[in-house]
Amino acid sequence: MSTASPDDPRKDTDGDSDSDSDSSVKHKTRKERSISAPGTTVIGGRTLAFTTTAATVNIQGEDGKDRASLFTISHVLDGDPDPATRPVTFCFNGGPGSSSVWLHYGALGPRRVLIPDTLPAPPPPYPVQDNPHSLLDLTDLVFIDPVGTGLSRPQGDAKAADFHNIDGDIESVGELIRRWLDTHGRWASPKLLAGESYGTTRAAGLAGWLNDKGIILNGLVLISLATDFQNFVFEQGNDLPHILYLPAYTATAWYHGRLPDKVADLDSLLAEVREFAIAEYAPALLLGSRLDSARRDELAVRLARYTGLPAAQIARRRLRIEYGWFMRTLLGQGEQTVGRLDSRFVGPDLDPYGQEMTRDPSYDAALGAFTAAANDHLRRSLGWEDTEPYNILSMKVNQAWKWDRGERMGFPSTSADLRRALIANPHLRVLICNGLFDLATPAMAAQYTVDHLNLPATLTDNVRLALYQAGHMMYFHPPSLKKLKADLARLFAEAVPART
């Protein structure tokens, strides 16, 4: 089965020096090391002092030998009267193959890189400033780079392939979390996970893994949900993505002024489209070739109204609108494509004559600024000396990922792990955050996952879905970043007992 990852920018990235995923070579074993530096930031008008620590943490196999060295950057508030009861949140991004730089320097960390929203980034230098919406006022933060990303590497006889699969990845990150709690004396602390995109796949699986180890979580932050891959993998015979992507297509066409009807209220329009997708579009797709041609043409006209695409082409495609075609076609026959991670972004495609997008302008707009911010913070501000490159996003890891968990047929999913964690821990609170202009993990797919968790009635209020007028990294959009912080503050108020 070919499975597209939620963060896949649809291009190869050269220059990442990740070790080969199926290599049998013996990796060098490096000693654990750490370096700390003081810092301050202003949140809510208060100046907060904190200590930043960059560190490598080795995890061992059953034989006691080091299997991997994982890299973390933590921010711990200074002067807390009882650190053992202060919350700590473990954060990671997705890919798979991505480091944690996006959540770190874009949303949750004490410092944030500034890039213009919906525009290509300017040339260097890229400004970095205090993040007034950081979570540091509510929780200590630990940013984790999984094996093959950042400075995290396999060790000894371990193969990169041991970690580049769903369960190997979960176990290695879970062991890192256990080691961090040990080293810092934080077993009593309220604990949360914050994952983005494939990081939500990891976080849902980790919730179950940690619970089995007696490490009980207070909360989960799942940004751009990707726990059910059937929701967004376009393959022959899988009609679900066509249904679940439709509102995101509508939002994108509305944003770019491509809808034939002028609509002022996007929310009302999206409610109409969601109802149409379930009540009319889905039954038609389920009929396959048995769908009457007159009904097909009628629905093609409706879809054209909701997507801004030509009705005749929609009918010719049997009403199925694959996202790559939509992104490349929406703006007409020119060379422009809309972004996949954030469809508010627009830029020229690599193939001026192609029928599907081959470049994501929303990814390219952020890559350089975040790469510079991460390396400058690590090398200059913290003084971390290392000859190895910091892998922002390793496509070698992404393309070598093994998706089969070995226990089921079909599409990868960790929703069952999430359900199990919620049932085992009825106090667990989950916040799911999705952008309306996300064409990687669409918002309706997140709602579909929530609706199919099959939770007991007593637990349905433990899971909340928040929507944002932005894309996959909704925090690129300043109003959405402000709303994200408010939603996170509510989660902490619900998930973490008040300190006395």
Protein backbone atom coordinates (compact mmCIF):
# COMPACT_ATOMS: atom_id res chain seq x y z
CA MET A 1 0.00 0.00 0.00
CA SER A 2 1.27 3.45 -0.88
CA THR A 3 0.53 5.86 1.93
CA ALA A 4 1.13 9.59 1.65
CA SER A 5 2.29 11.23 4.84
CA PRO A 6 0.35 14.25 6.11
CA ASP A 7 3.37 16.58 5.92
CA ASP A 8 4.75 15.33 2.58
CA PRO A 9 5.71 18.41 0.52
CA ARG A 10 5.82 16.22 -2.64
CA LYS A 11 9.46 16.76 -3.39
CA ASP A 12 12.76 15.20 -2.48
CA THR A 13 14.99 17.07 -0.07
CA ASP A 14 18.70 16.59 -0.53
CA GLY A 15 21.30 17.35 2.06
CA ASP A 16 19.86 15.65 5.14
CA SER A 17 22.46 13.28 6.51
CA ASP A 18 20.11 10.85 8.16
CA SER A 19 21.51 7.34 8.31
CA ASP A 20 20.08 4.86 5.81
CA SER A 21 16.85 3.40 7.12
CA ASP A 22 17.79 -0.24 6.45
CA SER A 23 21.53 0.02 6.92
CA SER A 24 23.23 -2.71 8.93
CA VAL A 25 26.29 -0.61 9.68
CA LYS A 26 27.25 -0.11 13.30
CA HIS A 27 26.55 3.46 14.42
CA LYS A 28 28.90 5.32 16.68
CA THR A 29 27.77 5.56 20.27
CA ARG A 30 27.86 9.06 21.68
CA LYS A 31 27.79 10.03 25.31
CA GLU A 32 24.90 11.95 26.77
CA ARG A 33 25.57 15.67 26.96
CA SER A 34 23.68 18.82 27.86
CA ILE A 35 24.14 22.56 27.88
CA SER A 36 21.93 25.13 29.62
CA ALA A 37 21.39 28.87 29.32
CA PRO A 38 19.13 31.38 31.08
CA GLY A 39 16.41 33.24 29.26
CA THR A 40 13.46 35.59 29.72
CA THR A 41 10.27 36.18 27.80
CA VAL A 42 7.17 38.34 28.22
CA ILE A 43 3.76 36.62 28.32
CA GLY A 44 0.60 38.44 29.31
CA GLY A 45 2.61 41.47 30.36
CA ARG A 46 4.72 39.41 32.81
CA THR A 47 8.43 38.84 32.41
CA LEU A 48 9.18 35.16 33.01
CA ALA A 49 12.67 33.80 33.69
CA PHE A 50 13.43 30.29 32.54
CA THR A 51 16.29 27.90 31.86
CA THR A 52 16.75 26.35 28.42
CA THR A 53 18.57 23.01 28.24
CA ALA A 54 19.64 21.29 25.03
CA ALA A 55 20.47 17.64 25.67
CA THR A 56 20.96 14.22 24.17
CA VAL A 57 19.36 11.33 26.02
CA ASN A 58 20.33 7.72 25.31
CA ILE A 59 17.74 4.97 25.42
CA GLN A 60 18.64 1.33 25.83
CA GLY A 61 17.39 -2.00 24.58
CA GLU A 62 16.64 -5.08 26.66
CA ASP A 63 20.35 -5.95 26.56
CA GLY A 64 21.18 -2.66 28.29
CA LYS A 65 23.07 -1.32 25.28
CA ASP A 66 22.35 2.11 23.84
CA ARG A 67 19.96 1.93 20.89
CA ALA A 68 19.38 5.60 20.15
CA SER A 69 20.44 9.08 21.17
CA LEU A 70 17.48 11.49 21.17
CA PHE A 71 17.87 15.24 21.16
CA THR A 72 15.64 17.55 23.20
CA ILE A 73 15.38 21.22 24.01
CA SER A 74 13.50 22.01 27.22
CA HIS A 75 12.35 25.27 28.75
CA VAL A 76 11.77 25.13 32.51
CA LEU A 77 10.40 28.07 34.47
CA ASP A 78 12.73 29.42 37.18
CA GLY A 79 11.71 29.94 40.78
CA ASP A 80 8.67 27.66 40.95
CA PRO A 81 8.04 26.87 44.64
CA ASP A 82 7.11 23.27 43.85
CA PRO A 83 8.48 22.10 40.47
CA ALA A 84 7.20 18.57 41.13
CA THR A 85 3.61 19.74 40.68
CA ARG A 86 4.19 22.13 37.77
CA PRO A 87 2.82 20.76 34.47
CA VAL A 88 5.23 19.58 31.78
CA THR A 89 4.27 19.21 28.12
CA PHE A 90 6.21 17.03 25.68
CA CYS A 91 6.01 18.43 22.15
CA PHE A 92 6.84 17.05 18.71
CA ASN A 93 5.98 17.55 15.07
CA GLY A 94 5.23 14.97 12.41
CA GLY A 95 6.29 14.19 8.87
CA PRO A 96 7.18 11.49 9.70
CA GLY A 97 10.74 12.74 9.53
CA SER A 98 10.20 16.23 10.95
CA SER A 99 12.03 17.78 13.86
CA SER A 100 10.09 19.77 16.46
CA VAL A 101 11.08 23.20 15.11
CA TRP A 102 7.61 24.13 13.84
CA LEU A 103 5.81 23.93 17.19
CA HIS A 104 8.91 25.17 19.00
CA TYR A 105 9.60 28.35 17.06
CA GLY A 106 6.15 28.88 15.60
CA ALA A 107 3.61 28.30 18.36
CA LEU A 108 4.54 27.05 21.82
CA GLY A 109 8.10 28.09 22.66
CA PRO A 110 9.16 31.31 24.41
CA ARG A 111 10.62 32.78 21.22
CA ARG A 112 8.94 32.86 17.82
CA VAL A 113 10.26 33.37 14.29
CA LEU A 114 8.34 36.00 12.34
CA ILE A 115 7.31 35.32 8.75
CA PRO A 116 4.68 37.18 6.73
CA ASP A 117 1.37 35.32 6.61
CA THR A 118 0.44 33.94 3.14
CA LEU A 119 3.53 35.49 1.50
CA PRO A 120 6.97 34.13 0.59
CA ALA A 121 9.48 34.74 3.36
CA PRO A 122 11.80 37.71 2.84
CA PRO A 123 15.56 37.16 2.52
CA PRO A 124 17.62 36.65 5.71
CA PRO A 125 17.95 37.72 8.43
CA TYR A 126 14.68 36.43 9.86
CA PRO A 127 13.46 38.25 12.98
CA VAL A 128 12.82 36.24 16.16
CA GLN A 129 11.00 37.80 19.10
CA ASP A 130 9.34 36.94 22.40
CA ASN A 131 6.24 34.83 21.85
CA PRO A 132 3.37 36.39 23.83
CA HIS A 133 1.29 33.27 23.13
CA SER A 134 3.85 30.75 24.40
CA LEU A 135 2.66 28.04 26.77
CA LEU A 136 5.53 28.65 29.19
CA ASP A 137 3.27 30.54 31.60
CA LEU A 138 1.17 27.37 31.95
CA THR A 139 3.68 24.56 31.63
CA ASP A 140 7.32 23.62 31.23
CA LEU A 141 8.05 22.55 27.66
CA VAL A 142 10.15 19.69 26.28
CA PHE A 143 10.62 19.62 22.50
CA ILE A 144 11.55 16.17 21.20
CA ASP A 145 13.22 15.24 17.91
CA PRO A 146 12.50 11.58 17.00
CA VAL A 147 15.28 9.36 15.61
CA GLY A 148 16.55 10.62 12.25
CA THR A 149 15.37 14.20 12.86
CA GLY A 150 17.13 17.13 14.49
CA LEU A 151 20.26 15.65 16.10
CA SER A 152 18.64 12.34 17.10
CA ARG A 153 20.42 9.26 15.75
CA PRO A 154 20.50 5.46 16.11
CA GLN A 155 23.29 4.05 18.27
CA GLY A 156 25.42 0.91 18.21
CA ASP A 157 23.92 -2.03 16.36
CA ALA A 158 20.44 -0.49 16.09
CA LYS A 159 19.15 0.22 12.62
CA ALA A 160 17.33 3.39 11.66
CA ALA A 161 14.54 1.14 10.37
CA ASP A 162 13.97 -0.04 13.95
CA PHE A 163 12.55 3.41 14.71
CA HIS A 164 11.03 4.40 11.38
CA ASN A 165 7.73 2.66 11.87
CA ILE A 166 4.67 3.46 13.96
CA ASP A 167 5.38 1.29 16.98
CA GLY A 168 9.18 1.66 17.03
CA ASP A 169 8.75 5.42 16.94
CA ILE A 170 6.18 5.38 19.76
CA GLU A 171 8.36 3.21 21.97
CA SER A 172 11.51 5.31 21.48
CA VAL A 173 9.74 8.59 22.23
CA GLY A 174 7.96 6.97 25.19
CA GLU A 175 11.29 5.81 26.61
CA LEU A 176 12.68 9.32 26.18
CA ILE A 177 9.75 10.73 28.16
CA ARG A 178 10.29 8.17 30.93
CA ARG A 179 14.01 9.04 31.10
CA TRP A 180 13.26 12.77 31.22
CA LEU A 181 10.85 12.30 34.13
CA ASP A 182 13.50 10.24 35.93
CA THR A 183 16.34 12.68 35.38
CA HIS A 184 14.40 15.79 36.31
CA GLY A 185 12.38 14.39 39.21
CA ARG A 186 9.05 15.18 37.55
CA TRP A 187 7.03 12.00 38.04
CA ALA A 188 4.51 13.90 40.19
CA SER A 189 3.99 16.63 37.58
CA PRO A 190 0.81 16.85 35.50
CA LYS A 191 1.81 15.59 32.05
CA LEU A 192 0.59 16.51 28.59
CA LEU A 193 1.54 15.71 25.00
CA ALA A 194 1.35 18.17 22.10
CA GLY A 195 1.73 16.71 18.61
CA GLU A 196 1.19 18.09 15.14
CA SER A 197 0.17 16.16 12.00
CA TYR A 198 1.98 12.79 12.12
CA GLY A 199 2.83 13.94 15.62
CA THR A 200 -0.86 13.33 16.41
CA THR A 201 -0.47 9.77 15.13
CA ARG A 202 2.44 9.43 17.56
CA ALA A 203 0.64 11.21 20.42
CA ALA A 204 -2.45 9.02 20.20
CA GLY A 205 -0.30 5.89 20.19
CA LEU A 206 1.85 7.25 23.01
CA ALA A 207 -1.22 7.93 25.14
CA GLY A 208 -1.94 4.21 25.16
CA TRP A 209 1.74 3.19 25.53
CA LEU A 210 2.37 5.54 28.45
CA ASN A 211 -0.85 4.52 30.18
CA ASP A 212 0.28 0.89 30.04
CA LYS A 213 3.51 1.95 31.79
CA GLY A 214 1.58 3.74 34.52
CA ILE A 215 2.49 7.18 33.15
CA ILE A 216 -0.89 8.88 33.28
CA LEU A 217 -1.54 11.91 31.09
CA ASN A 218 -3.67 14.92 31.94
CA GLY A 219 -4.13 16.13 28.41
CA LEU A 220 -3.44 15.75 24.71
CA VAL A 221 -3.07 18.57 22.19
CA LEU A 222 -3.59 17.19 18.68
CA ILE A 223 -2.86 19.81 16.03
CA SER A 224 -3.90 18.96 12.45
CA LEU A 225 -5.26 15.52 13.30
CA ALA A 226 -3.83 12.49 11.47
CA THR A 227 -4.81 9.41 13.45
CA ASP A 228 -6.84 7.75 10.65
CA PHE A 229 -5.02 7.66 7.34
CA GLN A 230 -8.03 6.37 5.45
CA ASN A 231 -9.44 9.88 5.86
CA PHE A 232 -6.89 11.54 3.56
CA VAL A 233 -5.10 8.93 1.44
CA PHE A 234 -6.48 9.10 -2.09
CA GLU A 235 -6.43 5.57 -3.49
CA GLN A 236 -8.57 3.54 -5.85
CA GLY A 237 -11.57 2.24 -3.93
CA ASN A 238 -11.25 4.68 -1.03
CA ASP A 239 -13.92 7.36 -1.53
CA LEU A 240 -13.72 8.75 2.00
CA PRO A 241 -11.12 11.50 1.27
CA HIS A 242 -13.24 12.89 -1.56
CA ILE A 243 -16.08 13.39 0.91
CA LEU A 244 -14.02 14.73 3.80
CA TYR A 245 -11.94 17.15 1.70
CA LEU A 246 -14.93 18.91 0.16
CA PRO A 247 -15.39 21.63 2.84
CA ALA A 248 -11.66 22.44 2.65
CA TYR A 249 -11.99 22.83 -1.12
CA THR A 250 -14.94 25.17 -0.56
CA ALA A 251 -13.07 27.24 2.00
CA THR A 252 -10.09 27.53 -0.35
CA ALA A 253 -12.20 28.53 -3.36
CA TRP A 254 -14.06 31.06 -1.18
CA TYR A 255 -10.80 32.56 0.06
CA HIS A 256 -9.46 33.02 -3.48
CA GLY A 257 -12.76 34.36 -4.87
CA ARG A 258 -13.34 31.37 -7.17
CA LEU A 259 -16.87 30.41 -6.16
CA PRO A 260 -19.53 31.29 -8.75
CA ASP A 261 -21.83 32.63 -6.01
CA LYS A 262 -20.79 35.49 -3.78
CA VAL A 263 -20.94 34.31 -0.16
CA ALA A 264 -20.14 36.50 2.84
CA ASP A 265 -20.67 33.98 5.64
CA LEU A 266 -18.10 31.18 5.27
CA ASP A 267 -19.30 29.30 8.35
CA SER A 268 -22.86 28.98 7.05
CA LEU A 269 -21.58 27.89 3.65
CA LEU A 270 -19.34 25.22 5.18
CA ALA A 271 -22.25 23.88 7.25
CA GLU A 272 -24.24 23.55 4.01
CA VAL A 273 -21.35 21.80 2.27
CA ARG A 274 -20.83 19.32 5.14
CA GLU A 275 -24.49 18.39 5.02
CA PHE A 276 -24.33 17.95 1.24
CA ALA A 277 -21.17 15.85 1.52
CA ILE A 278 -22.80 13.37 3.91
CA ALA A 279 -26.39 13.36 2.65
CA GLU A 280 -25.91 13.52 -1.12
CA TYR A 281 -22.28 13.27 -2.22
CA ALA A 282 -21.31 10.21 -0.19
CA PRO A 283 -24.28 8.04 -1.32
CA ALA A 284 -23.55 8.95 -4.93
CA LEU A 285 -19.89 7.90 -4.67
CA LEU A 286 -20.91 4.64 -2.99
CA LEU A 287 -22.94 3.74 -6.08
CA GLY A 288 -19.82 3.79 -8.24
CA SER A 289 -20.58 3.01 -11.89
CA ARG A 290 -24.24 2.40 -11.04
CA LEU A 291 -24.79 6.13 -10.52
CA ASP A 292 -27.24 7.45 -13.11
CA SER A 293 -25.57 9.80 -15.61
CA ALA A 294 -28.22 12.49 -15.15
CA ARG A 295 -27.70 12.40 -11.39
CA ARG A 296 -23.93 12.50 -11.93
CA ASP A 297 -24.21 15.63 -14.05
CA GLU A 298 -26.54 17.25 -11.51
CA LEU A 299 -24.08 16.60 -8.71
CA ALA A 300 -21.18 17.84 -10.85
CA VAL A 301 -22.92 21.20 -11.12
CA ARG A 302 -23.38 21.29 -7.33
CA LEU A 303 -19.71 20.40 -6.82
CA ALA A 304 -18.66 23.12 -9.26
CA ARG A 305 -20.65 25.59 -7.18
CA TYR A 306 -18.86 24.44 -4.03
CA THR A 307 -15.33 24.15 -5.47
CA GLY A 308 -15.01 26.65 -8.31
CA LEU A 309 -13.87 23.84 -10.65
CA PRO A 310 -15.40 23.16 -14.09
CA ALA A 311 -18.51 20.96 -13.83
CA ALA A 312 -17.67 19.09 -17.05
CA GLN A 313 -14.26 18.07 -15.71
CA ILE A 314 -15.74 17.02 -12.39
CA ALA A 315 -18.26 14.82 -14.19
CA ARG A 316 -15.51 13.34 -16.37
CA ARG A 317 -13.61 12.43 -13.19
CA ARG A 318 -16.68 10.58 -11.88
CA LEU A 319 -17.24 13.29 -9.24
CA ARG A 320 -13.93 12.46 -7.56
CA ILE A 321 -11.73 15.48 -6.82
CA GLU A 322 -8.19 14.51 -5.82
CA TYR A 323 -6.44 17.25 -3.88
CA GLY A 324 -3.44 17.57 -6.23
CA TRP A 325 -5.73 18.26 -9.17
CA PHE A 326 -7.79 20.72 -7.16
CA MET A 327 -4.74 22.70 -6.04
CA ARG A 328 -3.36 22.91 -9.58
CA THR A 329 -6.70 23.64 -11.27
CA LEU A 330 -8.43 26.11 -8.95
CA LEU A 331 -6.66 29.23 -10.20
CA GLY A 332 -7.16 28.39 -13.87
CA GLN A 333 -4.83 27.35 -16.65
CA GLY A 334 -1.85 29.44 -15.53
CA GLU A 335 1.25 28.26 -13.70
CA GLN A 336 -0.01 28.97 -10.17
CA THR A 337 -0.89 26.44 -7.48
CA VAL A 338 -2.40 26.89 -4.05
CA GLY A 339 -0.62 25.46 -1.02
CA ARG A 340 -1.27 22.04 0.45
CA LEU A 341 -0.34 22.72 4.06
CA ASP A 342 -2.10 26.08 3.83
CA SER A 343 -4.21 26.76 0.77
CA ARG A 344 -4.24 30.51 1.40
CA PHE A 345 -0.68 30.54 -0.01
CA VAL A 346 -0.19 30.81 -3.77
CA GLY A 347 2.90 30.35 -5.92
CA PRO A 348 4.16 29.07 -9.27
CA ASP A 349 4.30 25.31 -9.73
CA LEU A 350 7.45 23.50 -10.81
CA ASP A 351 5.66 22.07 -13.86
CA PRO A 352 3.99 24.94 -15.77
CA TYR A 353 2.00 22.47 -17.89
CA GLY A 354 1.11 19.91 -15.24
CA GLN A 355 -2.35 18.79 -14.13
CA GLU A 356 -1.38 18.28 -10.47
CA MET A 357 0.67 20.31 -8.00
CA THR A 358 4.35 19.44 -7.66
CA ARG A 359 5.33 22.20 -5.22
CA ASP A 360 3.81 23.48 -1.99
CA PRO A 361 4.32 27.25 -1.70
CA SER A 362 3.16 27.22 1.95
CA TYR A 363 5.99 24.83 2.89
CA ASP A 364 8.65 26.72 0.95
CA ALA A 365 7.59 30.02 2.54
CA ALA A 366 8.50 28.78 6.03
CA LEU A 367 11.41 26.36 5.57
CA GLY A 368 14.29 28.84 5.38
CA ALA A 369 13.16 31.01 8.28
CA PHE A 370 12.58 28.07 10.63
CA THR A 371 15.85 26.41 9.63
CA ALA A 372 17.76 29.61 10.38
CA ALA A 373 15.94 30.17 13.68
CA ALA A 374 16.57 26.62 14.94
CA ASN A 375 20.25 26.55 14.02
CA ASP A 376 20.96 30.08 15.28
CA HIS A 377 19.32 29.31 18.61
CA LEU A 378 21.16 26.01 18.95
CA ARG A 379 24.62 27.02 17.73
CA ARG A 380 24.91 30.67 18.74
CA SER A 381 22.49 31.29 21.61
CA LEU A 382 22.99 27.96 23.38
CA GLY A 383 26.56 27.33 22.21
CA TRP A 384 25.94 23.74 21.10
CA GLU A 385 28.98 22.60 19.12
CA ASP A 386 28.38 19.70 16.76
CA THR A 387 29.57 18.92 13.25
CA GLU A 388 26.40 17.00 12.38
CA PRO A 389 23.63 18.91 10.59
CA TYR A 390 20.36 19.54 12.35
CA ASN A 391 17.78 17.72 10.21
CA ILE A 392 14.72 19.99 9.98
CA LEU A 393 12.76 17.54 7.80
CA SER A 394 14.33 14.31 6.59
CA MET A 395 12.69 12.97 3.45
CA LYS A 396 14.89 9.87 3.77
CA VAL A 397 13.03 9.05 6.97
CA ASN A 398 9.70 9.98 5.42
CA GLN A 399 10.12 7.85 2.32
CA ALA A 400 11.50 4.84 4.21
CA TRP A 401 8.71 4.81 6.81
CA LYS A 402 7.04 1.44 7.36
CA TRP A 403 3.32 1.97 7.85
CA ASP A 404 2.12 -1.57 8.58
CA ARG A 405 1.74 -2.18 12.33
CA GLY A 406 1.68 -5.94 11.73
CA GLU A 407 -1.62 -6.39 13.54
CA ARG A 408 -4.24 -5.34 11.03
CA MET A 409 -4.97 -4.90 7.34
CA GLY A 410 -5.88 -1.58 5.82
CA PHE A 411 -4.83 2.00 6.51
CA PRO A 412 -2.62 3.04 9.43
CA SER A 413 -4.54 4.25 12.45
CA THR A 414 -3.89 5.06 16.10
CA SER A 415 -7.47 6.11 16.90
CA ALA A 416 -8.01 2.83 18.75
CA ASP A 417 -5.04 3.72 20.98
CA LEU A 418 -6.62 7.12 21.67
CA ARG A 419 -9.96 5.51 22.52
CA ARG A 420 -8.26 3.02 24.82
CA ALA A 421 -6.40 5.81 26.63
CA LEU A 422 -9.60 7.81 27.13
CA ILE A 423 -11.48 4.82 28.52
CA ALA A 424 -8.60 3.78 30.79
CA ASN A 425 -8.13 7.36 32.03
CA PRO A 426 -11.54 9.09 32.22
CA HIS A 427 -9.87 12.34 33.35
CA LEU A 428 -7.85 12.68 30.12
CA ARG A 429 -8.76 15.81 28.16
CA VAL A 430 -8.14 16.10 24.43
CA LEU A 431 -8.04 19.26 22.33
CA ILE A 432 -8.02 18.76 18.55
CA CYS A 433 -7.04 21.82 16.49
CA ASN A 434 -7.60 22.00 12.73
CA GLY A 435 -7.39 24.72 10.11
CA LEU A 436 -10.14 25.34 7.57
CA PHE A 437 -7.56 25.87 4.81
CA ASP A 438 -5.59 22.67 5.47
CA LEU A 439 -5.41 20.39 2.42
CA ALA A 440 -3.12 17.87 4.16
CA THR A 441 -5.32 16.90 7.12
CA PRO A 442 -8.71 18.53 6.48
CA ALA A 443 -10.97 19.68 9.29
CA MET A 444 -13.93 17.50 8.32
CA ALA A 445 -11.65 14.46 8.59
CA ALA A 446 -10.91 15.44 12.20
CA GLN A 447 -14.63 15.68 12.93
CA TYR A 448 -15.16 12.30 11.26
CA THR A 449 -12.52 10.73 13.53
CA VAL A 450 -14.11 12.25 16.64
CA ASP A 451 -17.55 11.03 15.55
CA HIS A 452 -16.22 7.49 15.14
CA LEU A 453 -14.25 7.11 18.37
CA ASN A 454 -17.32 5.34 19.77
CA LEU A 455 -16.75 6.69 23.24
CA PRO A 456 -19.14 6.12 26.13
CA ALA A 457 -21.54 9.04 26.59
CA THR A 458 -19.75 9.98 29.81
CA LEU A 459 -16.53 10.67 27.88
CA THR A 460 -17.72 12.54 24.79
CA ASP A 461 -17.15 15.93 26.44
CA ASN A 462 -13.50 14.98 27.10
CA VAL A 463 -12.72 15.57 23.42
CA ARG A 464 -13.10 19.03 21.89
CA LEU A 465 -12.50 20.17 18.30
CA ALA A 466 -11.40 23.76 17.61
CA LEU A 467 -11.32 25.25 14.10
CA TYR A 468 -9.12 28.07 12.80
CA GLN A 469 -9.20 30.42 9.80
CA ALA A 470 -5.81 29.18 8.65
CA GLY A 471 -4.04 26.03 7.48
CA HIS A 472 -2.02 23.07 8.78
CA MET A 473 0.26 25.33 10.84
CA MET A 474 -2.55 27.63 11.91
CA TYR A 475 -0.10 29.53 14.11
CA PHE A 476 1.38 31.19 11.00
CA HIS A 477 -1.83 33.27 11.08
CA PRO A 478 -1.53 35.74 14.02
CA PRO A 479 -5.27 35.78 14.93
CA SER A 480 -5.31 31.97 14.90
CA LEU A 481 -2.18 31.84 17.10
CA LYS A 482 -3.97 34.05 19.63
CA LYS A 483 -7.06 31.81 19.50
CA LEU A 484 -4.87 28.70 19.84
CA LYS A 485 -3.40 30.03 23.08
CA ALA A 486 -6.88 30.74 24.44
CA ASP A 487 -8.03 27.23 23.53
CA LEU A 488 -4.93 25.74 25.14
CA ALA A 489 -5.45 27.78 28.30
CA ARG A 490 -8.98 26.35 28.54
CA LEU A 491 -7.59 22.83 28.11
CA PHE A 492 -5.10 23.35 30.93
CA ALA A 493 -7.84 24.73 33.17
CA GLU A 494 -9.89 21.58 32.55
CA ALA A 495 -7.08 19.01 32.56
CA VAL A 496 -4.74 20.18 35.33
CA PRO A 497 -5.94 20.37 38.94
CA ALA A 498 -5.58 23.77 40.54
CA ARG A 499 -2.39 24.05 42.58
CA THR A 500 -2.73 24.82 46.27
